[in-house]
Protein backbone atom coordinates (compact mmCIF):
# COMPACT_ATOMS: atom_id res chain seq x y z
CA UNK A 1 -20.12 3.71 15.78
CA UNK A 2 -18.91 0.34 14.53
CA UNK A 3 -21.30 -2.19 13.08
CA UNK A 4 -20.39 -5.68 14.39
CA UNK A 5 -21.82 -7.26 11.24
CA UNK A 6 -19.49 -5.36 8.89
CA UNK A 7 -16.44 -7.43 7.92
CA UNK A 8 -13.43 -5.66 6.44
CA UNK A 9 -10.56 -7.03 4.39
CA UNK A 10 -7.12 -6.46 5.94
CA UNK A 11 -6.48 -3.77 3.32
CA UNK A 12 -9.75 -1.98 4.20
CA UNK A 13 -8.90 -2.23 7.91
CA UNK A 14 -5.45 -0.75 7.23
CA UNK A 15 -7.00 2.18 5.36
CA UNK A 16 -9.51 2.72 8.18
CA UNK A 17 -6.74 2.75 10.80
CA UNK A 18 -4.32 4.77 8.68
CA UNK A 19 -1.62 2.11 8.89
CA UNK A 20 0.03 -0.13 6.33
CA UNK A 21 -1.43 -3.38 5.08
CA UNK A 22 1.71 -5.13 6.35
CA UNK A 23 1.08 -3.82 9.89
CA UNK A 24 -2.46 -5.21 9.89
CA UNK A 25 -1.25 -8.59 8.60
CA UNK A 26 1.36 -8.71 11.39
CA UNK A 27 -1.30 -7.88 13.99
CA UNK A 28 -3.51 -10.66 12.61
CA UNK A 29 -0.69 -13.22 12.71
CA UNK A 30 0.28 -12.10 16.24
CA UNK A 31 -3.34 -12.46 17.42
CA UNK A 32 -3.78 -8.75 18.20
CA UNK A 33 -6.82 -8.51 15.92
CA UNK A 34 -9.76 -10.92 16.07
CA UNK A 35 -10.59 -12.18 12.60
CA UNK A 36 -13.14 -14.40 10.90
CA UNK A 37 -11.95 -16.81 8.22
CA UNK A 38 -13.77 -17.09 4.91
CA UNK A 39 -14.34 -20.57 3.41
CA UNK A 40 -11.30 -19.83 1.24
CA UNK A 41 -9.15 -19.15 4.32
CA UNK A 42 -8.97 -15.35 3.97
CA UNK A 43 -9.08 -13.13 7.05
CA UNK A 44 -11.97 -10.73 7.56
CA UNK A 45 -11.97 -8.27 10.42
CA UNK A 46 -15.17 -7.26 12.24
CA UNK A 47 -15.36 -3.48 12.20
CA UNK A 48 -15.90 -3.36 15.96
CA UNK A 49 -12.54 -5.17 16.51
CA UNK A 50 -10.75 -2.05 15.26
CA UNK A 51 -11.89 0.11 18.20
CA UNK A 52 -8.91 -0.52 20.50
CA UNK A 53 -6.49 -0.17 17.59
CA UNK A 54 -7.80 3.23 16.57
CA UNK A 55 -6.10 4.76 19.61
CA UNK A 56 -2.93 2.69 19.01
CA UNK A 57 -2.64 3.71 15.36
CA UNK A 58 -0.17 6.57 14.85
CA UNK A 59 -1.65 9.87 13.78
CA UNK A 60 -0.49 10.58 10.25
CA UNK A 61 0.13 14.04 8.91
CA UNK A 62 -1.83 14.82 5.79
CA UNK A 63 0.34 15.74 2.85
CA UNK A 64 -0.93 17.96 0.12
CA UNK A 65 0.47 15.97 -2.77
CA UNK A 66 0.28 12.25 -3.45
CA UNK A 67 -1.74 11.88 -0.25
CA UNK A 68 -2.58 8.18 -0.47
CA UNK A 69 -2.08 6.38 -3.75
CA UNK A 70 -4.49 3.58 -2.79
CA UNK A 71 -7.37 5.99 -3.40
CA UNK A 72 -6.57 5.82 -7.12
CA UNK A 73 -9.29 4.15 -9.16
CA UNK A 74 -6.83 2.04 -11.15
CA UNK A 75 -7.00 -1.58 -10.04
CA UNK A 76 -4.03 -2.98 -11.95
CA UNK A 77 -1.52 -2.59 -9.14
CA UNK A 78 1.53 -4.81 -8.65
CA UNK A 79 3.54 -4.37 -5.45
CA UNK A 80 7.27 -5.09 -5.47
CA UNK A 81 10.71 -3.92 -4.36
CA UNK A 82 12.59 -1.06 -5.98
CA UNK A 83 15.77 -2.56 -7.46
CA UNK A 84 17.00 0.46 -9.42
CA UNK A 85 16.45 4.23 -9.46
CA UNK A 86 18.41 6.19 -12.03
CA UNK A 87 17.82 9.93 -12.48
CA UNK A 88 18.95 11.54 -15.71
CA UNK A 89 17.94 15.15 -16.24
CA UNK A 90 14.17 15.59 -16.07
CA UNK A 91 13.42 11.85 -16.20
CA UNK A 92 14.07 8.87 -13.96
CA UNK A 93 14.14 5.14 -14.59
CA UNK A 94 12.55 3.07 -11.81
CA UNK A 95 12.77 -0.73 -11.87
CA UNK A 96 10.55 -2.84 -9.61
CA UNK A 97 11.10 -6.52 -8.89
CA UNK A 98 7.78 -8.33 -8.60
CA UNK A 99 8.23 -12.04 -8.04
CA UNK A 100 10.67 -13.23 -10.67
CA UNK A 101 9.73 -10.39 -13.04
CA UNK A 102 10.87 -6.79 -13.35
CA UNK A 103 8.85 -3.78 -14.41
CA UNK A 104 10.57 -0.63 -15.64
CA UNK A 105 8.90 2.76 -15.66
CA UNK A 106 10.17 6.12 -16.89
CA UNK A 107 8.75 8.86 -14.69
CA UNK A 108 9.78 12.42 -13.88
CA UNK A 109 12.80 12.99 -11.68
CA UNK A 110 10.64 15.32 -9.58
CA UNK A 111 8.22 12.44 -8.87
CA UNK A 112 11.09 10.23 -7.69
CA UNK A 113 12.36 12.98 -5.41
CA UNK A 114 8.88 13.81 -4.10
CA UNK A 115 8.19 10.13 -3.26
CA UNK A 116 11.75 9.76 -1.95
CA UNK A 117 12.07 6.48 -3.87
CA UNK A 118 15.17 4.48 -2.96
CA UNK A 119 16.51 1.05 -3.81
CA UNK A 120 15.08 -1.59 -1.46
CA UNK A 121 11.79 0.21 -0.75
CA UNK A 122 8.38 -1.28 -1.44
CA UNK A 123 6.45 0.39 -4.25
CA UNK A 124 3.52 -0.38 -6.51
CA UNK A 125 3.34 -0.27 -10.28
CA UNK A 126 -0.03 1.09 -11.41
CA UNK A 127 -0.90 0.13 -14.97
CA UNK A 128 -3.43 1.75 -17.23
CA UNK A 129 -3.41 1.05 -20.93
CA UNK A 130 0.18 1.56 -22.10
CA UNK A 131 1.30 3.56 -19.06
CA UNK A 132 2.98 2.27 -15.90
CA UNK A 133 2.97 4.62 -12.92
CA UNK A 134 5.01 4.11 -9.73
CA UNK A 135 3.61 4.72 -6.23
CA UNK A 136 5.62 4.43 -3.04
CA UNK A 137 4.03 1.97 -0.59
């Protein structure tokens, strides 16, 4: 049951529906989802407005590894475009373009292959202390 008083952020709605944040934003802009605006102009989605979309959302197969990176507790996440992927032996260099900045991370070649990272894809850099991790978006 949906509580009509519960308002979700677009990202929370996307996670609830099992779709991407970008899909939810497109639905909002196209008027397919009823939203409430905060005083700051941000969209909030009543939980009961998701009902019709639950059937429309594609069923996703669960994968055993790297199921959904957004469930990671780290909050320092920067989303950008992959501009370079270079595999050399056991390691890989991944460069993300975020705004007018670039972030480089050295991760395992297996991780790049498992995430199927390619130039032009959207990915997120997850930072914790001195480490930068890459997650495909």
